[in-house]
Amino acid sequence: MQIQNLTLTTSKLSALRAFYIDTFRLPLLDESEESFTFQAGITTVTFRATEQADSVYHFAFTIPSNKFSLAYAWVKGMTEPLVLDGKDAFPSKSWGSDSVYFYDPAGNNVEFIAMPSLANDAPGPFDPAQDLLSVSEIGVPVRNVASEVGILEHDFGQTIFRDSISEKFAAVGDDEGRLIVVEIGRPWFPTTVGVVVAPVTVRVSGSREARYSIEGLPFTLEQVASQE
């Protein structure tokens, strides 16, 4: 699964524009008084203005596998990484990954994740403008994880990622991209801050064309057939 387009909302539009365009130096594709759009590798990301003060999300950027330590140092120089049990870097044996988390100015839980399975090593120092290769995760809050995962498996042909499913959590997708399906109110790792409902529109590539909106929740998923 590749996440091609992602549209989110924020009550802190100008602060996020400064963060992702000026600090990260990501390419600005479009902007208005109500929104801005930037490029992060293969993914275009749009933030739209909202009056919902707690419109916050979890999303992850994939980075080159050989640059995790450089990216970790870059984050530490910019802000305080999120900490759990005295740790602020999180290797995962089951996922085969390394992650560091931090908050952006709107309070979004942002992750840099390196996955050696992708064989995406790159030369040089860490530079977000070059080394954010994609948005590879977006959190999707739901009322019932099992039922929504069933739809993603049946209608979209997606699969559980590396057996990562429980009553309140499931990662659906593959090494390139994942929908993080979570029960509303469950804390985002590695924090005690519960998941809130905020609008998400996401377009991904997959094995077949499909479209789905979760009834009663502001979430829309469109899948286009990959060209491979």
Protein backbone atom coordinates (compact mmCIF):
# COMPACT_ATOMS: atom_id res chain seq x y z
CA MET A 1 0.00 0.00 0.00
CA GLN A 2 1.30 3.43 -0.91
CA ILE A 3 -0.39 6.48 0.57
CA GLN A 4 -0.66 8.87 -2.36
CA ASN A 5 -2.76 11.72 -0.97
CA LEU A 6 -3.72 12.66 2.58
CA THR A 7 -6.04 15.47 3.68
CA LEU A 8 -6.28 16.46 7.34
CA THR A 9 -7.61 19.43 9.31
CA THR A 10 -6.04 21.77 11.84
CA SER A 11 -6.92 24.77 13.97
CA LYS A 12 -3.29 25.94 13.71
CA LEU A 13 -2.85 26.32 9.98
CA SER A 14 -0.19 29.03 9.98
CA ALA A 15 1.93 27.26 12.60
CA LEU A 16 1.87 24.01 10.63
CA ARG A 17 2.68 25.81 7.40
CA ALA A 18 5.76 27.33 9.02
CA PHE A 19 6.75 23.97 10.49
CA TYR A 20 6.49 21.80 7.40
CA ILE A 21 7.50 24.40 4.81
CA ASP A 22 10.05 26.51 6.67
CA THR A 23 11.51 24.06 9.21
CA PHE A 24 11.23 20.82 7.23
CA ARG A 25 11.65 22.69 3.91
CA LEU A 26 9.17 20.42 2.16
CA PRO A 27 7.98 21.59 -1.27
CA LEU A 28 4.89 23.80 -1.08
CA LEU A 29 2.49 22.79 -3.84
CA ASP A 30 -0.49 25.02 -3.14
CA GLU A 31 -1.88 27.34 -0.49
CA SER A 32 -4.78 29.63 0.30
CA GLU A 33 -6.22 31.28 3.37
CA GLU A 34 -7.95 28.00 4.21
CA SER A 35 -5.36 25.33 3.34
CA PHE A 36 -1.87 24.43 2.20
CA THR A 37 -0.44 21.38 0.46
CA PHE A 38 3.10 20.00 0.54
CA GLN A 39 4.97 17.08 -0.96
CA ALA A 40 6.58 14.41 1.22
CA GLY A 41 8.23 11.99 -1.17
CA ILE A 42 5.49 10.15 -3.04
CA THR A 43 2.71 11.58 -0.81
CA THR A 44 0.92 14.90 -1.10
CA VAL A 45 -0.40 16.21 2.23
CA THR A 46 -3.06 18.88 2.62
CA PHE A 47 -4.03 20.60 5.86
CA ARG A 48 -7.35 22.46 5.86
CA ALA A 49 -8.45 24.98 8.46
CA THR A 50 -11.00 23.94 11.06
CA GLU A 51 -12.42 25.35 14.27
CA GLN A 52 -12.09 21.94 15.96
CA ALA A 53 -9.39 22.65 18.54
CA ASP A 54 -8.51 18.99 19.15
CA SER A 55 -8.22 18.06 15.46
CA VAL A 56 -5.01 16.06 15.84
CA TYR A 57 -3.70 12.85 14.33
CA HIS A 58 -0.99 10.25 14.27
CA PHE A 59 0.94 9.92 11.01
CA ALA A 60 4.36 8.57 10.09
CA PHE A 61 6.98 9.47 7.52
CA THR A 62 9.21 6.73 6.14
CA ILE A 63 12.89 7.72 6.10
CA PRO A 64 15.94 6.00 4.58
CA SER A 65 16.85 2.95 6.65
CA ASN A 66 20.49 3.96 7.01
CA LYS A 67 19.62 7.40 8.38
CA PHE A 68 17.67 6.58 11.53
CA SER A 69 20.42 7.71 13.91
CA LEU A 70 20.86 10.91 11.89
CA ALA A 71 17.12 11.56 11.87
CA TYR A 72 16.91 10.85 15.59
CA ALA A 73 19.66 13.41 16.24
CA TRP A 74 17.90 15.91 13.96
CA VAL A 75 14.64 15.52 15.91
CA LYS A 76 16.49 15.93 19.22
CA GLY A 77 18.00 19.16 17.91
CA MET A 78 14.57 20.47 16.92
CA THR A 79 12.31 19.39 19.79
CA GLU A 80 11.89 16.88 22.60
CA PRO A 81 11.08 13.39 21.29
CA LEU A 82 8.20 11.60 22.96
CA VAL A 83 9.33 9.39 25.84
CA LEU A 84 8.02 6.12 27.25
CA ASP A 85 9.66 4.35 30.19
CA GLY A 86 12.71 6.57 29.85
CA LYS A 87 13.20 5.74 26.16
CA ASP A 88 12.79 8.08 23.19
CA ALA A 89 13.79 5.73 20.36
CA PHE A 90 11.76 2.60 19.66
CA PRO A 91 13.08 -0.42 17.77
CA SER A 92 10.48 -3.07 16.90
CA LYS A 93 11.53 -6.67 16.29
CA SER A 94 8.08 -7.69 15.09
CA TRP A 95 7.87 -4.84 12.56
CA GLY A 96 11.59 -4.79 11.74
CA SER A 97 11.67 -1.03 12.23
CA ASP A 98 13.08 1.87 14.24
CA SER A 99 10.96 4.88 15.21
CA VAL A 100 11.17 8.24 16.90
CA TYR A 101 8.06 10.27 17.76
CA PHE A 102 7.45 13.97 18.40
CA TYR A 103 4.68 16.56 18.43
CA ASP A 104 4.31 19.14 15.71
CA PRO A 105 2.97 22.63 16.61
CA ALA A 106 -0.65 21.47 16.34
CA GLY A 107 -0.12 18.51 18.66
CA ASN A 108 -0.07 15.85 15.94
CA ASN A 109 1.79 12.70 16.96
CA VAL A 110 4.43 12.50 14.20
CA GLU A 111 6.70 9.52 13.64
CA PHE A 112 9.87 9.02 11.62
CA ILE A 113 10.12 5.30 10.82
CA ALA A 114 12.98 3.39 9.20
CA MET A 115 12.30 -0.05 7.72
CA PRO A 116 15.36 -1.88 6.38
CA SER A 117 13.09 -4.25 4.43
CA LEU A 118 12.44 -1.41 1.97
CA ALA A 119 16.12 -1.20 0.93
CA ASN A 120 15.89 2.58 0.63
CA ASP A 121 19.32 3.68 1.86
CA ALA A 122 20.38 7.14 0.72
CA PRO A 123 23.67 9.06 0.87
CA GLY A 124 24.45 12.23 2.80
CA PRO A 125 23.22 13.80 6.05
CA PHE A 126 19.57 13.68 7.09
CA ASP A 127 17.53 16.30 5.26
CA PRO A 128 13.72 16.21 5.64
CA ALA A 129 13.27 17.84 2.24
CA GLN A 130 14.96 14.83 0.63
CA ASP A 131 14.55 12.05 3.18
CA LEU A 132 10.84 12.02 3.97
CA LEU A 133 10.08 9.35 1.38
CA SER A 134 6.36 9.01 2.01
CA VAL A 135 3.62 9.22 4.56
CA SER A 136 3.49 5.55 5.51
CA GLU A 137 0.95 5.60 8.35
CA ILE A 138 -2.23 7.45 9.16
CA GLY A 139 -4.34 6.80 12.21
CA VAL A 140 -8.00 5.96 11.66
CA PRO A 141 -10.23 6.15 14.76
CA VAL A 142 -13.22 3.78 14.72
CA ARG A 143 -15.83 2.38 17.06
CA ASN A 144 -15.12 -1.28 16.32
CA VAL A 145 -11.70 -2.30 15.06
CA ALA A 146 -12.62 -5.84 13.98
CA SER A 147 -15.56 -4.81 11.79
CA GLU A 148 -13.64 -2.05 9.99
CA VAL A 149 -10.64 -4.30 9.43
CA GLY A 150 -12.99 -6.90 7.94
CA ILE A 151 -14.15 -4.36 5.36
CA LEU A 152 -10.59 -3.38 4.49
CA GLU A 153 -9.70 -7.05 3.99
CA HIS A 154 -12.83 -7.98 2.00
CA ASP A 155 -13.47 -4.87 -0.11
CA PHE A 156 -9.96 -3.49 -0.49
CA GLY A 157 -7.93 -6.70 -0.52
CA GLN A 158 -5.66 -5.38 2.22
CA THR A 159 -4.12 -7.56 4.93
CA ILE A 160 -3.15 -7.28 8.59
CA PHE A 161 0.43 -6.07 8.84
CA ARG A 162 2.68 -8.63 10.55
CA ASP A 163 -0.10 -9.99 12.80
CA SER A 164 -0.54 -6.60 14.47
CA ILE A 165 -4.17 -6.79 15.54
CA SER A 166 -5.88 -6.69 18.92
CA GLU A 167 -9.28 -5.64 20.24
CA LYS A 168 -8.41 -1.93 20.06
CA PHE A 169 -5.63 -1.76 17.44
CA ALA A 170 -4.77 -3.05 13.98
CA ALA A 171 -2.24 -2.07 11.35
CA VAL A 172 -3.56 -2.81 7.87
CA GLY A 173 -1.23 -2.71 4.86
CA ASP A 174 2.41 -3.56 4.26
CA ASP A 175 5.95 -2.25 4.66
CA GLU A 176 5.27 0.67 2.31
CA GLY A 177 2.10 1.95 3.97
CA ARG A 178 -0.38 1.19 6.73
CA LEU A 179 -3.73 2.34 8.03
CA ILE A 180 -3.52 2.36 11.83
CA VAL A 181 -7.06 1.39 12.82
CA VAL A 182 -7.66 2.18 16.48
CA GLU A 183 -10.59 2.36 18.86
CA ILE A 184 -11.64 5.90 19.70
CA GLY A 185 -10.07 6.94 23.00
CA ARG A 186 -7.19 4.45 22.90
CA PRO A 187 -3.89 6.27 23.60
CA TRP A 188 -1.49 6.90 20.76
CA PHE A 189 1.86 5.22 21.32
CA PRO A 190 4.05 6.28 23.10
CA THR A 191 1.71 8.61 25.05
CA THR A 192 -1.35 8.58 27.28
CA VAL A 193 -3.20 10.95 24.93
CA GLY A 194 -6.36 9.31 23.63
CA VAL A 195 -7.36 9.13 19.98
CA VAL A 196 -9.89 11.76 18.92
CA VAL A 197 -12.18 11.86 15.90
CA ALA A 198 -11.08 14.34 13.24
CA PRO A 199 -11.62 14.30 9.46
CA VAL A 200 -9.33 12.09 7.36
CA THR A 201 -9.40 11.68 3.60
CA VAL A 202 -6.81 9.31 2.22
CA ARG A 203 -6.06 7.89 -1.22
CA VAL A 204 -3.95 4.75 -1.43
CA SER A 205 -2.83 2.27 -4.06
CA GLY A 206 -3.78 -1.37 -3.80
CA SER A 207 -4.83 -4.47 -5.68
CA ARG A 208 -8.22 -3.13 -6.78
CA GLU A 209 -10.31 0.02 -6.95
CA ALA A 210 -12.52 0.67 -3.94
CA ARG A 211 -14.00 3.51 -1.91
CA TYR A 212 -15.35 3.56 1.61
CA SER A 213 -16.70 6.05 4.13
CA ILE A 214 -17.18 5.01 7.73
CA GLU A 215 -20.78 5.67 8.69
CA GLY A 216 -21.10 8.46 11.24
CA LEU A 217 -17.37 9.27 11.20
CA PRO A 218 -15.51 11.80 9.00
CA PHE A 219 -13.26 9.24 7.34
CA THR A 220 -13.04 8.52 3.60
CA LEU A 221 -10.72 5.99 1.98
CA GLU A 222 -10.22 5.74 -1.76
CA GLN A 223 -8.08 3.00 -3.25
CA VAL A 224 -6.78 3.00 -6.81
CA ALA A 225 -5.35 -0.07 -8.51
CA SER A 226 -1.56 -0.01 -8.51
CA GLN A 227 0.19 -0.05 -11.87
CA GLU A 228 2.55 -2.89 -10.95
